[in-house]
Amino acid sequence: MPPLTPFFREVGTGPGVVCLHANASSSSQWRALMDALAPAFHVLAPDSYGAGKSPAWPTDRPVGLRDEAELLEPVFARAGEPVALVGHSYGAAVGLVAALARPRRVRALAVYEPTLFSLLDAESPPPNEADGIRAAAGRAAAALDAGDPLGAAESFIDYWMGSGAWARTPEARRGPIAASIVNVRGWAGALFGEPTPLEAFATLDVPVLLMVGKDSPASSRGVARLLTRTLPRVEVIEFDGLGHMAPITHPDVVNAAIARFLERG
C-alpha cells in the first residue's frame, strides 16, 4: 500500500513555515496568516487526519500525535530545514511532539494553547483542570452513539467557545464541523494518551512563542501553565478578552503576534 499523503496549501518563498490547525477545523483556518507571511516565507498548511481533504481518521488502530506528525512528514520535507512550526490547539500539540522528534529540523515554534491534556493528568490524577474537556468529549461521544452528530458538535464547540456558540455558528460551517466531530474519541485518545512526559519539553532548545487567551477554559490554560515553567526559551503572550478559538475568532490579533515572532527569527 502506498504511503498516505496529506492535503496541504502552499504559498510564498523563503524560510519554511508549517501551520497546523485545530480539531473541528482544517488548513483553511490559516489562509489569512499564509497571505500575510507569503512575501517573506514559504508557508505550508496541511490538513490532519480526518480533516479537510486529507486521509480519513484510521479506524484499524489507535492514532497518536506521533502518527499525526508522521502523516505530515512530506510537508515538513517540502518546507525545507530548519522549519518553523505554527500550531493551534490540537495542531499545537502535534507541533510540539513533532519538534521533539526532529530537534535539528525545527528552528522555532509559535503555538496557541497546545492541548496536551496528558500533562495535566500526569501532574495530578483527576479531578483536575482537564475535567471540563474530558466531560465535553464524553458527552460528544455519547451523542454520536445516539446518532446525533449535531448534538456532539454542540457539546464540543460550546465547551471551547462558550454556551450558545454552536447555536450562533453559521449554517454553512455546521456541516463540516459535524462531519469532523466523528473523530472526537480519537482526538481525546491522542491528547490524553500522549506518553511524552513534561520534562521532555525542557530539552526543546528553540524559541517558542506560547500564546494564551485570558478567557480560555481551565484545561488549555493549565497545559500552558505547565509548559511555561518547562520550555527553556519560551515567550508568553496572554491576550485580554480572547479565548481558546482566538486564532479563528480574532485572527488579526493572533496572526500579527505570530508574524512578529517569525520575523525576529
Protein backbone atom coordinates (compact mmCIF):
# COMPACT_ATOMS: atom_id res chain seq x y z
CA MET A 1 0.00 0.00 0.00
CA PRO A 2 1.45 3.42 -0.93
CA PRO A 3 2.10 5.82 1.96
CA LEU A 4 -0.71 8.18 2.87
CA THR A 5 -0.28 11.75 1.69
CA PRO A 6 -1.88 14.76 3.41
CA PHE A 7 -3.52 17.59 1.53
CA PHE A 8 -1.77 20.92 2.06
CA ARG A 9 -1.93 24.55 0.95
CA GLU A 10 1.25 26.33 -0.10
CA VAL A 11 2.26 29.94 -0.76
CA GLY A 12 5.34 32.16 -0.81
CA THR A 13 9.08 31.75 -0.92
CA GLY A 14 11.74 31.95 1.77
CA PRO A 15 12.32 30.11 5.04
CA GLY A 16 9.80 27.32 5.61
CA VAL A 17 6.80 27.66 7.94
CA VAL A 18 4.28 24.85 8.54
CA CYS A 19 0.90 25.76 10.09
CA LEU A 20 -1.08 23.09 11.96
CA HIS A 21 -4.80 23.55 12.59
CA ALA A 22 -7.14 22.82 15.49
CA ASN A 23 -9.68 19.99 15.79
CA ALA A 24 -13.01 20.54 14.02
CA SER A 25 -11.10 22.78 11.61
CA SER A 26 -8.80 22.44 8.60
CA SER A 27 -5.87 24.13 6.89
CA SER A 28 -8.27 26.82 5.68
CA GLN A 29 -8.12 28.43 9.13
CA TRP A 30 -4.62 29.68 8.25
CA ARG A 31 -5.43 31.40 4.92
CA ALA A 32 -5.08 34.93 6.28
CA LEU A 33 -1.81 34.12 8.06
CA MET A 34 -0.45 32.44 4.93
CA ASP A 35 -1.21 35.52 2.86
CA ALA A 36 0.44 37.75 5.45
CA LEU A 37 3.61 35.62 5.60
CA ALA A 38 3.90 34.79 1.89
CA PRO A 39 6.10 37.80 0.94
CA ALA A 40 8.86 36.60 3.29
CA PHE A 41 8.25 32.90 3.95
CA HIS A 42 7.45 29.61 2.21
CA VAL A 43 4.27 28.68 4.07
CA LEU A 44 2.54 25.30 4.04
CA ALA A 45 -0.66 24.36 5.89
CA PRO A 46 -1.68 20.67 5.86
CA ASP A 47 -4.95 19.00 6.79
CA SER A 48 -4.57 16.46 9.60
CA TYR A 49 -6.14 13.00 9.66
CA GLY A 50 -9.89 13.18 9.02
CA ALA A 51 -9.83 16.92 8.27
CA GLY A 52 -10.39 18.76 5.01
CA LYS A 53 -9.04 16.76 2.09
CA SER A 54 -6.55 14.57 3.96
CA PRO A 55 -6.96 10.81 4.51
CA ALA A 56 -9.74 9.70 6.84
CA TRP A 57 -9.03 9.03 10.50
CA PRO A 58 -7.70 5.45 10.74
CA THR A 59 -10.12 3.00 12.34
CA ASP A 60 -7.85 -0.05 12.36
CA ARG A 61 -5.50 1.23 15.09
CA PRO A 62 -5.15 3.90 17.76
CA VAL A 63 -3.68 7.14 16.43
CA GLY A 64 -1.29 9.25 18.49
CA LEU A 65 0.27 12.65 17.99
CA ARG A 66 3.41 10.99 16.60
CA ASP A 67 1.23 9.37 13.92
CA GLU A 68 -0.17 12.77 13.05
CA ALA A 69 3.36 14.11 12.72
CA GLU A 70 4.40 11.16 10.55
CA LEU A 71 1.48 11.83 8.18
CA LEU A 72 2.83 15.35 7.75
CA GLU A 73 6.40 14.25 7.01
CA PRO A 74 6.12 15.07 3.25
CA VAL A 75 5.01 18.58 4.20
CA PHE A 76 7.90 19.07 6.63
CA ALA A 77 10.31 17.83 3.96
CA ARG A 78 8.88 20.18 1.34
CA ALA A 79 9.17 23.13 3.72
CA GLY A 80 12.92 22.58 3.99
CA GLU A 81 15.18 22.72 7.03
CA PRO A 82 15.13 24.19 9.54
CA VAL A 83 11.39 24.85 9.64
CA ALA A 84 9.24 27.00 11.92
CA LEU A 85 6.04 25.41 13.19
CA VAL A 86 2.82 27.28 13.94
CA GLY A 87 0.02 25.42 15.72
CA HIS A 88 -3.34 25.94 17.37
CA SER A 89 -4.84 23.61 19.99
CA TYR A 90 -4.51 20.02 18.68
CA GLY A 91 -2.21 21.29 15.93
CA ALA A 92 -0.02 22.96 18.54
CA ALA A 93 0.22 19.65 20.43
CA VAL A 94 1.23 17.89 17.21
CA GLY A 95 3.81 20.60 16.55
CA LEU A 96 5.45 20.24 19.95
CA VAL A 97 5.66 16.46 19.67
CA ALA A 98 6.99 16.76 16.10
CA ALA A 99 9.65 19.21 17.23
CA LEU A 100 10.86 16.87 19.97
CA ALA A 101 11.22 14.09 17.41
CA ARG A 102 13.00 16.38 14.91
CA PRO A 103 15.17 18.69 17.06
CA ARG A 104 17.62 19.65 14.31
CA ARG A 105 14.88 20.32 11.78
CA VAL A 106 12.85 22.86 13.76
CA ARG A 107 14.09 26.40 14.32
CA ALA A 108 11.13 27.90 16.21
CA LEU A 109 7.53 27.28 17.30
CA ALA A 110 4.56 29.63 17.67
CA VAL A 111 1.77 27.78 19.48
CA TYR A 112 -1.65 28.83 20.72
CA GLU A 113 -2.80 26.75 23.71
CA PRO A 114 -1.48 23.25 22.97
CA THR A 115 -3.99 20.72 24.26
CA LEU A 116 -1.58 18.19 25.78
CA PHE A 117 -4.05 17.09 28.44
CA SER A 118 -1.90 14.09 29.35
CA LEU A 119 0.41 16.56 31.12
CA LEU A 120 -2.38 17.60 33.48
CA ASP A 121 -3.26 14.01 34.33
CA ALA A 122 0.41 13.23 34.94
CA GLU A 123 0.74 16.21 37.28
CA SER A 124 -2.34 15.28 39.27
CA PRO A 125 -4.87 12.46 38.74
CA PRO A 126 -8.49 13.53 38.12
CA PRO A 127 -10.27 15.55 39.34
CA ASN A 128 -8.08 18.23 37.77
CA GLU A 129 -8.09 21.05 35.22
CA ALA A 130 -8.77 18.64 32.36
CA ASP A 131 -12.15 17.55 33.75
CA GLY A 132 -14.11 20.04 31.66
CA ILE A 133 -12.84 18.83 28.31
CA ARG A 134 -12.94 15.21 29.50
CA ALA A 135 -16.64 15.62 30.22
CA ALA A 136 -17.34 17.53 27.00
CA ALA A 137 -15.64 14.86 24.89
CA GLY A 138 -17.62 12.20 26.75
CA ARG A 139 -20.90 14.00 26.04
CA ALA A 140 -19.95 14.37 22.39
CA ALA A 141 -19.11 10.67 22.11
CA ALA A 142 -22.42 9.73 23.75
CA ALA A 143 -24.29 11.93 21.29
CA LEU A 144 -22.55 10.22 18.39
CA ASP A 145 -23.54 6.84 19.79
CA ALA A 146 -27.13 8.10 19.87
CA GLY A 147 -26.94 9.12 16.20
CA ASP A 148 -26.81 12.85 16.96
CA PRO A 149 -23.71 14.38 15.32
CA LEU A 150 -25.14 17.90 15.67
CA GLY A 151 -25.51 17.36 19.41
CA ALA A 152 -21.94 16.07 19.52
CA ALA A 153 -20.72 19.17 17.73
CA GLU A 154 -22.69 21.38 20.13
CA SER A 155 -21.03 19.78 23.16
CA PHE A 156 -17.57 20.24 21.69
CA ILE A 157 -17.97 23.77 20.32
CA ASP A 158 -19.80 25.13 23.36
CA TYR A 159 -17.03 23.86 25.62
CA TRP A 160 -14.35 25.73 23.71
CA MET A 161 -16.32 28.84 22.74
CA GLY A 162 -18.93 29.21 25.48
CA SER A 163 -22.54 28.21 25.92
CA GLY A 164 -24.63 29.04 22.86
CA ALA A 165 -21.67 29.20 20.47
CA TRP A 166 -22.98 26.29 18.38
CA ALA A 167 -26.38 27.95 18.06
CA ARG A 168 -24.63 31.05 16.68
CA THR A 169 -22.50 29.07 14.22
CA PRO A 170 -23.38 29.91 10.59
CA GLU A 171 -25.27 27.12 8.84
CA ALA A 172 -22.54 26.79 6.20
CA ARG A 173 -19.97 25.96 8.90
CA ARG A 174 -22.09 23.43 10.78
CA GLY A 175 -21.86 20.63 8.23
CA PRO A 176 -18.04 20.41 8.08
CA ILE A 177 -17.76 20.66 11.88
CA ALA A 178 -20.36 17.95 12.46
CA ALA A 179 -18.65 15.73 9.88
CA SER A 180 -15.30 16.06 11.62
CA ILE A 181 -16.66 15.54 15.13
CA VAL A 182 -16.99 11.80 14.45
CA ASN A 183 -13.29 11.67 15.35
CA VAL A 184 -13.76 13.11 18.86
CA ARG A 185 -12.87 9.81 20.60
CA GLY A 186 -9.70 9.62 18.54
CA TRP A 187 -8.74 13.21 19.36
CA ALA A 188 -9.31 12.61 23.07
CA GLY A 189 -7.34 9.37 22.95
CA ALA A 190 -4.38 11.06 21.28
CA LEU A 191 -4.32 14.01 23.68
CA PHE A 192 -4.99 12.20 26.95
CA GLY A 193 -2.85 9.23 25.94
CA GLU A 194 0.23 11.11 24.71
CA PRO A 195 3.17 9.46 26.50
CA THR A 196 5.66 12.35 26.34
CA PRO A 197 6.47 13.48 29.91
CA LEU A 198 6.57 17.16 30.80
CA GLU A 199 10.30 17.09 31.49
CA ALA A 200 10.98 16.12 27.85
CA PHE A 201 9.96 19.61 26.79
CA ALA A 202 12.84 21.04 28.81
CA THR A 203 15.12 19.70 26.06
CA LEU A 204 13.35 21.69 23.32
CA ASP A 205 16.09 24.28 22.89
CA VAL A 206 14.43 26.56 20.32
CA PRO A 207 12.48 29.82 20.67
CA VAL A 208 8.82 29.14 21.49
CA LEU A 209 6.05 31.72 21.40
CA LEU A 210 3.29 30.41 23.68
CA MET A 211 0.00 32.28 23.25
CA VAL A 212 -2.88 32.06 25.71
CA GLY A 213 -6.32 33.64 25.94
CA LYS A 214 -7.34 35.01 29.34
CA ASP A 215 -10.90 33.78 28.73
CA SER A 216 -9.90 30.23 27.75
CA PRO A 217 -11.05 27.12 29.65
CA ALA A 218 -9.06 25.76 32.58
CA SER A 219 -7.86 22.75 30.55
CA SER A 220 -5.88 24.61 27.92
CA ARG A 221 -4.70 27.27 30.36
CA GLY A 222 -3.49 24.51 32.68
CA VAL A 223 -1.38 22.96 29.92
CA ALA A 224 0.08 26.39 29.14
CA ARG A 225 0.96 26.83 32.82
CA LEU A 226 2.98 23.62 32.81
CA LEU A 227 4.74 24.36 29.51
CA THR A 228 5.57 27.92 30.57
CA ARG A 229 7.62 26.66 33.51
CA THR A 230 9.29 23.90 31.47
CA LEU A 231 10.18 25.17 27.99
CA PRO A 232 13.67 26.69 28.22
CA ARG A 233 13.24 29.50 25.66
CA VAL A 234 9.60 30.42 25.96
CA GLU A 235 7.95 33.80 25.42
CA VAL A 236 4.36 34.00 26.67
CA ILE A 237 1.66 36.32 25.34
CA GLU A 238 -1.66 36.40 27.18
CA PHE A 239 -4.47 38.06 25.24
CA ASP A 240 -7.10 40.01 27.18
CA GLY A 241 -10.67 39.17 26.26
CA LEU A 242 -9.79 36.26 23.98
CA GLY A 243 -10.49 32.56 24.33
CA HIS A 244 -9.21 29.27 23.03
CA MET A 245 -10.52 29.79 19.50
CA ALA A 246 -8.92 33.23 19.07
CA PRO A 247 -6.85 32.18 16.01
CA ILE A 248 -10.23 31.72 14.28
CA THR A 249 -12.38 34.35 16.02
CA HIS A 250 -9.69 37.08 16.17
CA PRO A 251 -7.14 36.12 13.50
CA ASP A 252 -5.79 39.63 13.01
CA VAL A 253 -4.61 39.88 16.62
CA VAL A 254 -3.12 36.40 16.79
CA ASN A 255 -1.62 36.44 13.30
CA ALA A 256 0.13 39.76 14.00
CA ALA A 257 1.82 38.24 17.05
CA ILE A 258 2.89 35.17 15.08
CA ALA A 259 4.26 37.29 12.23
CA ARG A 260 6.28 39.48 14.60
CA PHE A 261 7.76 36.42 16.28
CA LEU A 262 8.72 34.73 13.00
CA GLU A 263 10.18 37.91 11.52
CA ARG A 264 12.52 38.26 14.52
CA GLY A 265 13.92 34.79 13.90
